[in-house]
Amino acid sequence: MSAQPQASSPPSSLPTSSPSASVPAPEDVKLREYKDCISCRVIGTGALGLTGLYAFRMARPRAPGSVLGKVMMAGIGVGFLAGSVVRWNMTPTEMLQTLSKQSPGAQSGS
């Protein structure tokens, strides 16, 4: 008596859809209301702000490195400081709404 291996079907709890079917279309994505706690806002703003200040410190004239590297670090510093201002003033829901308005699919219609 030889036992032949039988093909087993996946358990019903596992998804069997293709990877492309699991990615929702942009119009299907619902924006959820999210309440941001003050400690999350302070920590996020502080982290972005301190990273921006550190990048500015690396861009100072007496710091080692090339002029191009210092200009790049100054640009990165400005970006992080701008991000800290945005992080403090906008809720995550507002950020998502702003990004969804600027999506490439919305711009192709005009």
PDB file of N, CA and C in Angstrom:
ATOM      1  N   MET A   1       0.825  -1.172   0.000  1.00  0.00           N
ATOM      2  CA  MET A   1       0.000   0.000   0.000  1.00  0.00           C
ATOM      3  C   MET A   1       0.874   1.242   0.000  1.00  0.00           C
ATOM      4  N   SER A   2       0.812   1.931  -1.086  1.00  0.00           N
ATOM      5  CA  SER A   2       1.593   3.163  -1.151  1.00  0.00           C
ATOM      6  C   SER A   2       0.650   4.349  -1.000  1.00  0.00           C
ATOM      7  N   ALA A   3       1.045   5.231  -0.138  1.00  0.00           N
ATOM      8  CA  ALA A   3       0.220   6.429   0.102  1.00  0.00           C
ATOM      9  C   ALA A   3       0.691   7.527  -0.831  1.00  0.00           C
ATOM     10  N   GLN A   4      -0.220   8.027  -1.612  1.00  0.00           N
ATOM     11  CA  GLN A   4       0.124   9.108  -2.514  1.00  0.00           C
ATOM     12  C   GLN A   4      -0.165  10.434  -1.818  1.00  0.00           C
ATOM     13  N   PRO A   5       0.741  11.395  -1.981  1.00  0.00           N
ATOM     14  CA  PRO A   5       0.479  12.695  -1.355  1.00  0.00           C
ATOM     15  C   PRO A   5      -0.689  13.383  -2.053  1.00  0.00           C
ATOM     16  N   GLN A   6      -1.570  13.905  -1.270  1.00  0.00           N
ATOM     17  CA  GLN A   6      -2.721  14.596  -1.812  1.00  0.00           C
ATOM     18  C   GLN A   6      -2.489  16.105  -1.720  1.00  0.00           C
ATOM     19  N   ALA A   7      -2.967  16.781  -2.729  1.00  0.00           N
ATOM     20  CA  ALA A   7      -2.840  18.238  -2.727  1.00  0.00           C
ATOM     21  C   ALA A   7      -3.768  18.792  -1.662  1.00  0.00           C
ATOM     22  N   SER A   8      -3.211  19.576  -0.788  1.00  0.00           N
ATOM     23  CA  SER A   8      -4.038  20.144   0.272  1.00  0.00           C
ATOM     24  C   SER A   8      -4.456  21.555  -0.111  1.00  0.00           C
ATOM     25  N   SER A   9      -5.673  21.875   0.188  1.00  0.00           N
ATOM     26  CA  SER A   9      -6.155  23.227  -0.097  1.00  0.00           C
ATOM     27  C   SER A   9      -5.813  24.123   1.089  1.00  0.00           C
ATOM     28  N   PRO A  10      -5.595  25.416   0.829  1.00  0.00           N
ATOM     29  CA  PRO A  10      -5.248  26.314   1.932  1.00  0.00           C
ATOM     30  C   PRO A  10      -6.421  26.460   2.879  1.00  0.00           C
ATOM     31  N   PRO A  11      -6.125  26.685   4.159  1.00  0.00           N
ATOM     32  CA  PRO A  11      -7.218  26.879   5.117  1.00  0.00           C
ATOM     33  C   PRO A  11      -8.063  28.079   4.711  1.00  0.00           C
ATOM     34  N   SER A  12      -9.347  28.029   5.062  1.00  0.00           N
ATOM     35  CA  SER A  12     -10.258  29.098   4.647  1.00  0.00           C
ATOM     36  C   SER A  12      -9.937  30.423   5.320  1.00  0.00           C
ATOM     37  N   SER A  13      -9.123  30.417   6.391  1.00  0.00           N
ATOM     38  CA  SER A  13      -8.807  31.665   7.074  1.00  0.00           C
ATOM     39  C   SER A  13      -7.732  32.464   6.344  1.00  0.00           C
ATOM     40  N   LEU A  14      -7.003  31.824   5.435  1.00  0.00           N
ATOM     41  CA  LEU A  14      -5.960  32.520   4.698  1.00  0.00           C
ATOM     42  C   LEU A  14      -6.529  33.153   3.439  1.00  0.00           C
ATOM     43  N   PRO A  15      -6.063  34.365   3.103  1.00  0.00           N
ATOM     44  CA  PRO A  15      -6.567  34.979   1.874  1.00  0.00           C
ATOM     45  C   PRO A  15      -6.023  34.263   0.654  1.00  0.00           C
ATOM     46  N   THR A  16      -6.862  34.081  -0.343  1.00  0.00           N
ATOM     47  CA  THR A  16      -6.446  33.384  -1.558  1.00  0.00           C
ATOM     48  C   THR A  16      -6.464  34.306  -2.767  1.00  0.00           C
ATOM     49  N   SER A  17      -6.647  35.610  -2.555  1.00  0.00           N
ATOM     50  CA  SER A  17      -6.710  36.536  -3.676  1.00  0.00           C
ATOM     51  C   SER A  17      -5.309  36.873  -4.167  1.00  0.00           C
ATOM     52  N   SER A  18      -5.236  37.380  -5.354  1.00  0.00           N
ATOM     53  CA  SER A  18      -3.953  37.763  -5.921  1.00  0.00           C
ATOM     54  C   SER A  18      -3.466  39.050  -5.272  1.00  0.00           C
ATOM     55  N   PRO A  19      -2.145  39.330  -5.327  1.00  0.00           N
ATOM     56  CA  PRO A  19      -1.618  40.548  -4.708  1.00  0.00           C
ATOM     57  C   PRO A  19      -2.210  41.823  -5.289  1.00  0.00           C
ATOM     58  N   SER A  20      -2.505  41.840  -6.593  1.00  0.00           N
ATOM     59  CA  SER A  20      -3.060  43.045  -7.193  1.00  0.00           C
ATOM     60  C   SER A  20      -4.478  43.313  -6.700  1.00  0.00           C
ATOM     61  N   ALA A  21      -5.198  42.281  -6.301  1.00  0.00           N
ATOM     62  CA  ALA A  21      -6.553  42.477  -5.813  1.00  0.00           C
ATOM     63  C   ALA A  21      -6.561  43.031  -4.399  1.00  0.00           C
ATOM     64  N   SER A  22      -5.462  42.877  -3.641  1.00  0.00           N
ATOM     65  CA  SER A  22      -5.434  43.349  -2.262  1.00  0.00           C
ATOM     66  C   SER A  22      -5.090  44.828  -2.170  1.00  0.00           C
ATOM     67  N   VAL A  23      -4.631  45.450  -3.241  1.00  0.00           N
ATOM     68  CA  VAL A  23      -4.303  46.865  -3.222  1.00  0.00           C
ATOM     69  C   VAL A  23      -5.544  47.653  -3.617  1.00  0.00           C
ATOM     70  N   PRO A  24      -6.074  48.475  -2.692  1.00  0.00           N
ATOM     71  CA  PRO A  24      -7.289  49.206  -3.037  1.00  0.00           C
ATOM     72  C   PRO A  24      -6.995  50.364  -3.988  1.00  0.00           C
ATOM     73  N   ALA A  25      -7.965  50.680  -4.795  1.00  0.00           N
ATOM     74  CA  ALA A  25      -7.847  51.829  -5.692  1.00  0.00           C
ATOM     75  C   ALA A  25      -7.887  53.100  -4.858  1.00  0.00           C
ATOM     76  N   PRO A  26      -7.246  54.183  -5.329  1.00  0.00           N
ATOM     77  CA  PRO A  26      -7.222  55.423  -4.537  1.00  0.00           C
ATOM     78  C   PRO A  26      -8.602  55.945  -4.157  1.00  0.00           C
ATOM     79  N   GLU A  27      -9.589  55.769  -5.034  1.00  0.00           N
ATOM     80  CA  GLU A  27     -10.922  56.261  -4.705  1.00  0.00           C
ATOM     81  C   GLU A  27     -11.614  55.395  -3.663  1.00  0.00           C
ATOM     82  N   ASP A  28     -11.116  54.158  -3.457  1.00  0.00           N
ATOM     83  CA  ASP A  28     -11.715  53.273  -2.468  1.00  0.00           C
ATOM     84  C   ASP A  28     -11.170  53.508  -1.065  1.00  0.00           C
ATOM     85  N   VAL A  29     -10.056  54.236  -0.966  1.00  0.00           N
ATOM     86  CA  VAL A  29      -9.434  54.463   0.333  1.00  0.00           C
ATOM     87  C   VAL A  29     -10.256  55.495   1.088  1.00  0.00           C
ATOM     88  N   LYS A  30     -10.706  55.122   2.252  1.00  0.00           N
ATOM     89  CA  LYS A  30     -11.481  56.028   3.096  1.00  0.00           C
ATOM     90  C   LYS A  30     -10.545  56.665   4.115  1.00  0.00           C
ATOM     91  N   LEU A  31     -10.653  57.985   4.257  1.00  0.00           N
ATOM     92  CA  LEU A  31      -9.853  58.688   5.245  1.00  0.00           C
ATOM     93  C   LEU A  31     -10.516  58.529   6.606  1.00  0.00           C
ATOM     94  N   ARG A  32      -9.742  58.067   7.557  1.00  0.00           N
ATOM     95  CA  ARG A  32     -10.265  57.877   8.895  1.00  0.00           C
ATOM     96  C   ARG A  32      -9.950  59.100   9.745  1.00  0.00           C
ATOM     97  N   GLU A  33     -10.835  59.398  10.650  1.00  0.00           N
ATOM     98  CA  GLU A  33     -10.584  60.480  11.598  1.00  0.00           C
ATOM     99  C   GLU A  33      -9.626  59.948  12.652  1.00  0.00           C
ATOM    100  N   TYR A  34      -8.569  60.685  12.906  1.00  0.00           N
ATOM    101  CA  TYR A  34      -7.543  60.243  13.832  1.00  0.00           C
ATOM    102  C   TYR A  34      -7.277  61.364  14.816  1.00  0.00           C
ATOM    103  N   LYS A  35      -7.353  61.068  16.074  1.00  0.00           N
ATOM    104  CA  LYS A  35      -7.060  62.043  17.118  1.00  0.00           C
ATOM    105  C   LYS A  35      -5.610  61.847  17.542  1.00  0.00           C
ATOM    106  N   ASP A  36      -4.832  62.902  17.435  1.00  0.00           N
ATOM    107  CA  ASP A  36      -3.411  62.843  17.763  1.00  0.00           C
ATOM    108  C   ASP A  36      -3.207  63.300  19.200  1.00  0.00           C
ATOM    109  N   CYS A  37      -2.517  62.505  20.005  1.00  0.00           N
ATOM    110  CA  CYS A  37      -2.262  62.901  21.386  1.00  0.00           C
ATOM    111  C   CYS A  37      -1.155  63.954  21.421  1.00  0.00           C
ATOM    112  N   ILE A  38      -1.127  64.747  22.463  1.00  0.00           N
ATOM    113  CA  ILE A  38      -0.172  65.848  22.553  1.00  0.00           C
ATOM    114  C   ILE A  38       1.264  65.325  22.663  1.00  0.00           C
ATOM    115  N   SER A  39       1.457  64.206  23.349  1.00  0.00           N
ATOM    116  CA  SER A  39       2.825  63.686  23.474  1.00  0.00           C
ATOM    117  C   SER A  39       3.353  63.213  22.121  1.00  0.00           C
ATOM    118  N   CYS A  40       2.480  62.631  21.286  1.00  0.00           N
ATOM    119  CA  CYS A  40       2.912  62.222  19.943  1.00  0.00           C
ATOM    120  C   CYS A  40       3.288  63.434  19.108  1.00  0.00           C
ATOM    121  N   ARG A  41       2.520  64.487  19.249  1.00  0.00           N
ATOM    122  CA  ARG A  41       2.776  65.712  18.498  1.00  0.00           C
ATOM    123  C   ARG A  41       4.088  66.356  18.950  1.00  0.00           C
ATOM    124  N   VAL A  42       4.333  66.402  20.267  1.00  0.00           N
ATOM    125  CA  VAL A  42       5.556  67.008  20.797  1.00  0.00           C
ATOM    126  C   VAL A  42       6.776  66.191  20.388  1.00  0.00           C
ATOM    127  N   ILE A  43       6.696  64.873  20.511  1.00  0.00           N
ATOM    128  CA  ILE A  43       7.838  64.020  20.172  1.00  0.00           C
ATOM    129  C   ILE A  43       8.135  64.079  18.677  1.00  0.00           C
ATOM    130  N   GLY A  44       7.110  64.019  17.847  1.00  0.00           N
ATOM    131  CA  GLY A  44       7.316  64.085  16.400  1.00  0.00           C
ATOM    132  C   GLY A  44       7.895  65.419  15.968  1.00  0.00           C
ATOM    133  N   THR A  45       7.351  66.509  16.516  1.00  0.00           N
ATOM    134  CA  THR A  45       7.853  67.841  16.179  1.00  0.00           C
ATOM    135  C   THR A  45       9.279  68.015  16.665  1.00  0.00           C
ATOM    136  N   GLY A  46       9.548  67.558  17.881  1.00  0.00           N
ATOM    137  CA  GLY A  46      10.903  67.683  18.440  1.00  0.00           C
ATOM    138  C   GLY A  46      11.922  66.881  17.655  1.00  0.00           C
ATOM    139  N   ALA A  47      11.554  65.677  17.262  1.00  0.00           N
ATOM    140  CA  ALA A  47      12.491  64.841  16.502  1.00  0.00           C
ATOM    141  C   ALA A  47      12.823  65.473  15.159  1.00  0.00           C
ATOM    142  N   LEU A  48      11.810  65.957  14.451  1.00  0.00           N
ATOM    143  CA  LEU A  48      12.060  66.591  13.161  1.00  0.00           C
ATOM    144  C   LEU A  48      12.847  67.892  13.327  1.00  0.00           C
ATOM    145  N   GLY A  49      12.493  68.686  14.338  1.00  0.00           N
ATOM    146  CA  GLY A  49      13.181  69.948  14.568  1.00  0.00           C
ATOM    147  C   GLY A  49      14.634  69.753  14.948  1.00  0.00           C
ATOM    148  N   LEU A  50      14.903  68.817  15.851  1.00  0.00           N
ATOM    149  CA  LEU A  50      16.289  68.572  16.269  1.00  0.00           C
ATOM    150  C   LEU A  50      17.122  67.978  15.129  1.00  0.00           C
ATOM    151  N   THR A  51      16.516  67.166  14.296  1.00  0.00           N
ATOM    152  CA  THR A  51      17.229  66.639  13.136  1.00  0.00           C
ATOM    153  C   THR A  51      17.578  67.767  12.168  1.00  0.00           C
ATOM    154  N   GLY A  52      16.660  68.710  11.996  1.00  0.00           N
ATOM    155  CA  GLY A  52      16.923  69.870  11.147  1.00  0.00           C
ATOM    156  C   GLY A  52      18.031  70.740  11.706  1.00  0.00           C
ATOM    157  N   LEU A  53      18.023  70.955  13.019  1.00  0.00           N
ATOM    158  CA  LEU A  53      19.092  71.747  13.641  1.00  0.00           C
ATOM    159  C   LEU A  53      20.437  71.037  13.527  1.00  0.00           C
ATOM    160  N   TYR A  54      20.453  69.725  13.676  1.00  0.00           N
ATOM    161  CA  TYR A  54      21.692  68.972  13.519  1.00  0.00           C
ATOM    162  C   TYR A  54      22.226  69.096  12.086  1.00  0.00           C
ATOM    163  N   ALA A  55      21.330  69.039  11.121  1.00  0.00           N
ATOM    164  CA  ALA A  55      21.767  69.181   9.729  1.00  0.00           C
ATOM    165  C   ALA A  55      22.335  70.574   9.488  1.00  0.00           C
ATOM    166  N   PHE A  56      21.722  71.600  10.091  1.00  0.00           N
ATOM    167  CA  PHE A  56      22.285  72.950   9.973  1.00  0.00           C
ATOM    168  C   PHE A  56      23.657  73.042  10.631  1.00  0.00           C
ATOM    169  N   ARG A  57      23.832  72.342  11.739  1.00  0.00           N
ATOM    170  CA  ARG A  57      25.141  72.344  12.417  1.00  0.00           C
ATOM    171  C   ARG A  57      26.206  71.716  11.520  1.00  0.00           C
ATOM    172  N   MET A  58      25.838  70.696  10.787  1.00  0.00           N
ATOM    173  CA  MET A  58      26.793  70.064   9.879  1.00  0.00           C
ATOM    174  C   MET A  58      27.061  70.922   8.638  1.00  0.00           C
ATOM    175  N   ALA A  59      26.231  71.928   8.397  1.00  0.00           N
ATOM    176  CA  ALA A  59      26.401  72.790   7.229  1.00  0.00           C
ATOM    177  C   ALA A  59      27.161  74.076   7.558  1.00  0.00           C
ATOM    178  N   ARG A  60      27.595  74.247   8.803  1.00  0.00           N
ATOM    179  CA  ARG A  60      28.294  75.479   9.169  1.00  0.00           C
ATOM    180  C   ARG A  60      29.639  75.567   8.444  1.00  0.00           C
ATOM    181  N   PRO A  61      30.157  76.781   8.264  1.00  0.00           N
ATOM    182  CA  PRO A  61      31.387  76.951   7.467  1.00  0.00           C
ATOM    183  C   PRO A  61      32.605  76.204   8.024  1.00  0.00           C
ATOM    184  N   ARG A  62      32.732  76.060   9.346  1.00  0.00           N
ATOM    185  CA  ARG A  62      33.923  75.414   9.906  1.00  0.00           C
ATOM    186  C   ARG A  62      33.817  73.895   9.991  1.00  0.00           C
ATOM    187  N   ALA A  63      32.684  73.333   9.622  1.00  0.00           N
ATOM    188  CA  ALA A  63      32.506  71.879   9.655  1.00  0.00           C
ATOM    189  C   ALA A  63      33.307  71.237   8.529  1.00  0.00           C
ATOM    190  N   PRO A  64      33.843  70.038   8.778  1.00  0.00           N
ATOM    191  CA  PRO A  64      34.593  69.365   7.710  1.00  0.00           C
ATOM    192  C   PRO A  64      33.661  68.924   6.584  1.00  0.00           C
ATOM    193  N   GLY A  65      34.191  68.931   5.383  1.00  0.00           N
ATOM    194  CA  GLY A  65      33.412  68.469   4.243  1.00  0.00           C
ATOM    195  C   GLY A  65      33.458  69.459   3.094  1.00  0.00           C
ATOM    196  N   SER A  66      32.927  69.034   1.973  1.00  0.00           N
ATOM    197  CA  SER A  66      32.949  69.877   0.779  1.00  0.00           C
ATOM    198  C   SER A  66      31.826  70.913   0.828  1.00  0.00           C
ATOM    199  N   VAL A  67      31.939  71.896  -0.025  1.00  0.00           N
ATOM    200  CA  VAL A  67      30.924  72.943  -0.098  1.00  0.00           C
ATOM    201  C   VAL A  67      29.598  72.352  -0.568  1.00  0.00           C
ATOM    202  N   LEU A  68      29.647  71.453  -1.543  1.00  0.00           N
ATOM    203  CA  LEU A  68      28.426  70.814  -2.034  1.00  0.00           C
ATOM    204  C   LEU A  68      27.733  70.026  -0.918  1.00  0.00           C
ATOM    205  N   GLY A  69      28.512  69.319  -0.114  1.00  0.00           N
ATOM    206  CA  GLY A  69      27.944  68.570   0.998  1.00  0.00           C
ATOM    207  C   GLY A  69      27.289  69.479   2.023  1.00  0.00           C
ATOM    208  N   LYS A  70      27.889  70.638   2.266  1.00  0.00           N
ATOM    209  CA  LYS A  70      27.323  71.584   3.223  1.00  0.00           C
ATOM    210  C   LYS A  70      26.028  72.197   2.692  1.00  0.00           C
ATOM    211  N   VAL A  71      25.992  72.473   1.400  1.00  0.00           N
ATOM    212  CA  VAL A  71      24.760  73.008   0.803  1.00  0.00           C
ATOM    213  C   VAL A  71      23.649  71.964   0.882  1.00  0.00           C
ATOM    214  N   MET A  72      23.980  70.710   0.634  1.00  0.00           N
ATOM    215  CA  MET A  72      22.985  69.642   0.724  1.00  0.00           C
ATOM    216  C   MET A  72      22.479  69.500   2.158  1.00  0.00           C
ATOM    217  N   MET A  73      23.384  69.570   3.128  1.00  0.00           N
ATOM    218  CA  MET A  73      22.972  69.460   4.532  1.00  0.00           C
ATOM    219  C   MET A  73      22.090  70.635   4.939  1.00  0.00           C
ATOM    220  N   ALA A  74      22.373  71.829   4.425  1.00  0.00           N
ATOM    221  CA  ALA A  74      21.524  72.986   4.728  1.00  0.00           C
ATOM    222  C   ALA A  74      20.127  72.781   4.140  1.00  0.00           C
ATOM    223  N   GLY A  75      20.041  72.239   2.936  1.00  0.00           N
ATOM    224  CA  GLY A  75      18.739  71.959   2.335  1.00  0.00           C
ATOM    225  C   GLY A  75      17.966  70.913   3.106  1.00  0.00           C
ATOM    226  N   ILE A  76      18.677  69.893   3.566  1.00  0.00           N
ATOM    227  CA  ILE A  76      18.037  68.848   4.376  1.00  0.00           C
ATOM    228  C   ILE A  76      17.548  69.442   5.688  1.00  0.00           C
ATOM    229  N   GLY A  77      18.352  70.335   6.279  1.00  0.00           N
ATOM    230  CA  GLY A  77      17.945  70.993   7.521  1.00  0.00           C
ATOM    231  C   GLY A  77      16.681  71.807   7.350  1.00  0.00           C
ATOM    232  N   VAL A  78      16.592  72.556   6.255  1.00  0.00           N
ATOM    233  CA  VAL A  78      15.388  73.339   5.978  1.00  0.00           C
ATOM    234  C   VAL A  78      14.186  72.408   5.822  1.00  0.00           C
ATOM    235  N   GLY A  79      14.378  71.290   5.131  1.00  0.00           N
ATOM    236  CA  GLY A  79      13.281  70.342   4.945  1.00  0.00           C
ATOM    237  C   GLY A  79      12.774  69.768   6.261  1.00  0.00           C
ATOM    238  N   PHE A  80      13.689  69.377   7.138  1.00  0.00           N
ATOM    239  CA  PHE A  80      13.276  68.823   8.430  1.00  0.00           C
ATOM    240  C   PHE A  80      12.617  69.874   9.309  1.00  0.00           C
ATOM    241  N   LEU A  81      13.123  71.108   9.295  1.00  0.00           N
ATOM    242  CA  LEU A  81      12.493  72.158  10.091  1.00  0.00           C
ATOM    243  C   LEU A  81      11.099  72.490   9.557  1.00  0.00           C
ATOM    244  N   ALA A  82      10.944  72.510   8.245  1.00  0.00           N
ATOM    245  CA  ALA A  82       9.613  72.721   7.666  1.00  0.00           C
ATOM    246  C   ALA A  82       8.685  71.568   8.041  1.00  0.00           C
ATOM    247  N   GLY A  83       9.220  70.362   8.027  1.00  0.00           N
ATOM    248  CA  GLY A  83       8.428  69.206   8.431  1.00  0.00           C
ATOM    249  C   GLY A  83       7.985  69.282   9.880  1.00  0.00           C
ATOM    250  N   SER A  84       8.831  69.828  10.747  1.00  0.00           N
ATOM    251  CA  SER A  84       8.445  69.955  12.154  1.00  0.00           C
ATOM    252  C   SER A  84       7.321  70.970  12.328  1.00  0.00           C
ATOM    253  N   VAL A  85       7.352  72.042  11.543  1.00  0.00           N
ATOM    254  CA  VAL A  85       6.266  73.032  11.608  1.00  0.00           C
ATOM    255  C   VAL A  85       4.965  72.413  11.116  1.00  0.00           C
ATOM    256  N   VAL A  86       5.035  71.681  10.012  1.00  0.00           N
ATOM    257  CA  VAL A  86       3.843  71.018   9.477  1.00  0.00           C
ATOM    258  C   VAL A  86       3.328  69.987  10.473  1.00  0.00           C
ATOM    259  N   ARG A  87       4.224  69.245  11.091  1.00  0.00           N
ATOM    260  CA  ARG A  87       3.834  68.210  12.056  1.00  0.00           C
ATOM    261  C   ARG A  87       3.096  68.820  13.243  1.00  0.00           C
ATOM    262  N   TRP A  88       3.525  69.983  13.699  1.00  0.00           N
ATOM    263  CA  TRP A  88       2.880  70.607  14.849  1.00  0.00           C
ATOM    264  C   TRP A  88       1.506  71.171  14.468  1.00  0.00           C
ATOM    265  N   ASN A  89       1.386  71.724  13.283  1.00  0.00           N
ATOM    266  CA  ASN A  89       0.177  72.450  12.910  1.00  0.00           C
ATOM    267  C   ASN A  89      -0.895  71.614  12.229  1.00  0.00           C
ATOM    268  N   MET A  90      -0.559  70.473  11.677  1.00  0.00           N
ATOM    269  CA  MET A  90      -1.544  69.669  10.950  1.00  0.00           C
ATOM    270  C   MET A  90      -1.768  68.335  11.648  1.00  0.00           C
ATOM    271  N   THR A  91      -3.028  67.900  11.633  1.00  0.00           N
ATOM    272  CA  THR A  91      -3.329  66.572  12.139  1.00  0.00           C
ATOM    273  C   THR A  91      -3.044  65.557  11.029  1.00  0.00           C
ATOM    274  N   PRO A  92      -2.849  64.290  11.360  1.00  0.00           N
ATOM    275  CA  PRO A  92      -2.610  63.283  10.319  1.00  0.00           C
ATOM    276  C   PRO A  92      -3.741  63.202   9.296  1.00  0.00           C
ATOM    277  N   THR A  93      -4.992  63.431   9.709  1.00  0.00           N
ATOM    278  CA  THR A  93      -6.099  63.403   8.761  1.00  0.00           C
ATOM    279  C   THR A  93      -5.971  64.530   7.751  1.00  0.00           C
ATOM    280  N   GLU A  94      -5.589  65.729   8.222  1.00  0.00           N
ATOM    281  CA  GLU A  94      -5.386  66.856   7.307  1.00  0.00           C
ATOM    282  C   GLU A  94      -4.242  66.577   6.344  1.00  0.00           C
ATOM    283  N   MET A  95      -3.178  65.923   6.843  1.00  0.00           N
ATOM    284  CA  MET A  95      -2.049  65.578   5.976  1.00  0.00           C
ATOM    285  C   MET A  95      -2.494  64.623   4.873  1.00  0.00           C
ATOM    286  N   LEU A  96      -3.293  63.614   5.229  1.00  0.00           N
ATOM    287  CA  LEU A  96      -3.771  62.653   4.241  1.00  0.00           C
ATOM    288  C   LEU A  96      -4.683  63.314   3.217  1.00  0.00           C
ATOM    289  N   GLN A  97      -5.539  64.229   3.679  1.00  0.00           N
ATOM    290  CA  GLN A  97      -6.425  64.926   2.753  1.00  0.00           C
ATOM    291  C   GLN A  97      -5.614  65.794   1.797  1.00  0.00           C
ATOM    292  N   THR A  98      -4.572  66.458   2.293  1.00  0.00           N
ATOM    293  CA  THR A  98      -3.727  67.281   1.440  1.00  0.00           C
ATOM    294  C   THR A  98      -3.009  66.420   0.407  1.00  0.00           C
ATOM    295  N   LEU A  99      -2.498  65.275   0.826  1.00  0.00           N
ATOM    296  CA  LEU A  99      -1.802  64.383  -0.100  1.00  0.00           C
ATOM    297  C   LEU A  99      -2.754  63.792  -1.124  1.00  0.00           C
ATOM    298  N   SER A 100      -3.990  63.469  -0.714  1.00  0.00           N
ATOM    299  CA  SER A 100      -4.932  62.878  -1.665  1.00  0.00           C
ATOM    300  C   SER A 100      -5.368  63.905  -2.706  1.00  0.00           C
ATOM    301  N   LYS A 101      -5.389  65.176  -2.360  1.00  0.00           N
ATOM    302  CA  LYS A 101      -5.728  66.214  -3.334  1.00  0.00           C
ATOM    303  C   LYS A 101      -4.610  66.398  -4.352  1.00  0.00           C
ATOM    304  N   GLN A 102      -3.365  66.088  -3.961  1.00  0.00           N
ATOM    305  CA  GLN A 102      -2.214  66.270  -4.838  1.00  0.00           C
ATOM    306  C   GLN A 102      -1.806  64.988  -5.531  1.00  0.00           C
ATOM    307  N   SER A 103      -2.628  63.949  -5.483  1.00  0.00           N
ATOM    308  CA  SER A 103      -2.250  62.674  -6.088  1.00  0.00           C
ATOM    309  C   SER A 103      -2.190  62.802  -7.595  1.00  0.00           C
ATOM    310  N   PRO A 104      -1.317  62.030  -8.268  1.00  0.00           N
ATOM    311  CA  PRO A 104      -1.180  62.118  -9.721  1.00  0.00           C
ATOM    312  C   PRO A 104      -2.468  61.812 -10.461  1.00  0.00           C
ATOM    313  N   GLY A 105      -3.307  60.948  -9.948  1.00  0.00           N
ATOM    314  CA  GLY A 105      -4.547  60.607 -10.622  1.00  0.00           C
ATOM    315  C   GLY A 105      -5.505  61.790 -10.673  1.00  0.00           C
ATOM    316  N   ALA A 106      -5.469  62.632  -9.630  1.00  0.00           N
ATOM    317  CA  ALA A 106      -6.352  63.793  -9.597  1.00  0.00           C
ATOM    318  C   ALA A 106      -5.863  64.882 -10.553  1.00  0.00           C
ATOM    319  N   GLN A 107      -4.549  64.939 -10.807  1.00  0.00           N
ATOM    320  CA  GLN A 107      -3.994  65.963 -11.675  1.00  0.00           C
ATOM    321  C   GLN A 107      -4.138  65.609 -13.149  1.00  0.00           C
ATOM    322  N   SER A 108      -4.307  64.341 -13.479  1.00  0.00           N
ATOM    323  CA  SER A 108      -4.367  63.953 -14.884  1.00  0.00           C
ATOM    324  C   SER A 108      -5.667  64.394 -15.541  1.00  0.00           C
ATOM    325  N   GLY A 109      -6.706  64.682 -14.753  1.00  0.00           N
ATOM    326  CA  GLY A 109      -7.985  65.110 -15.306  1.00  0.00           C
ATOM    327  C   GLY A 109      -7.974  66.533 -15.819  1.00  0.00           C
ATOM    328  N   SER A 110      -7.006  67.359 -15.349  1.00  0.00           N
ATOM    329  CA  SER A 110      -6.996  68.757 -15.778  1.00  0.00           C
ATOM    330  C   SER A 110      -5.969  69.031 -16.844  1.00  0.00           C
TER     331      SER A 110
END
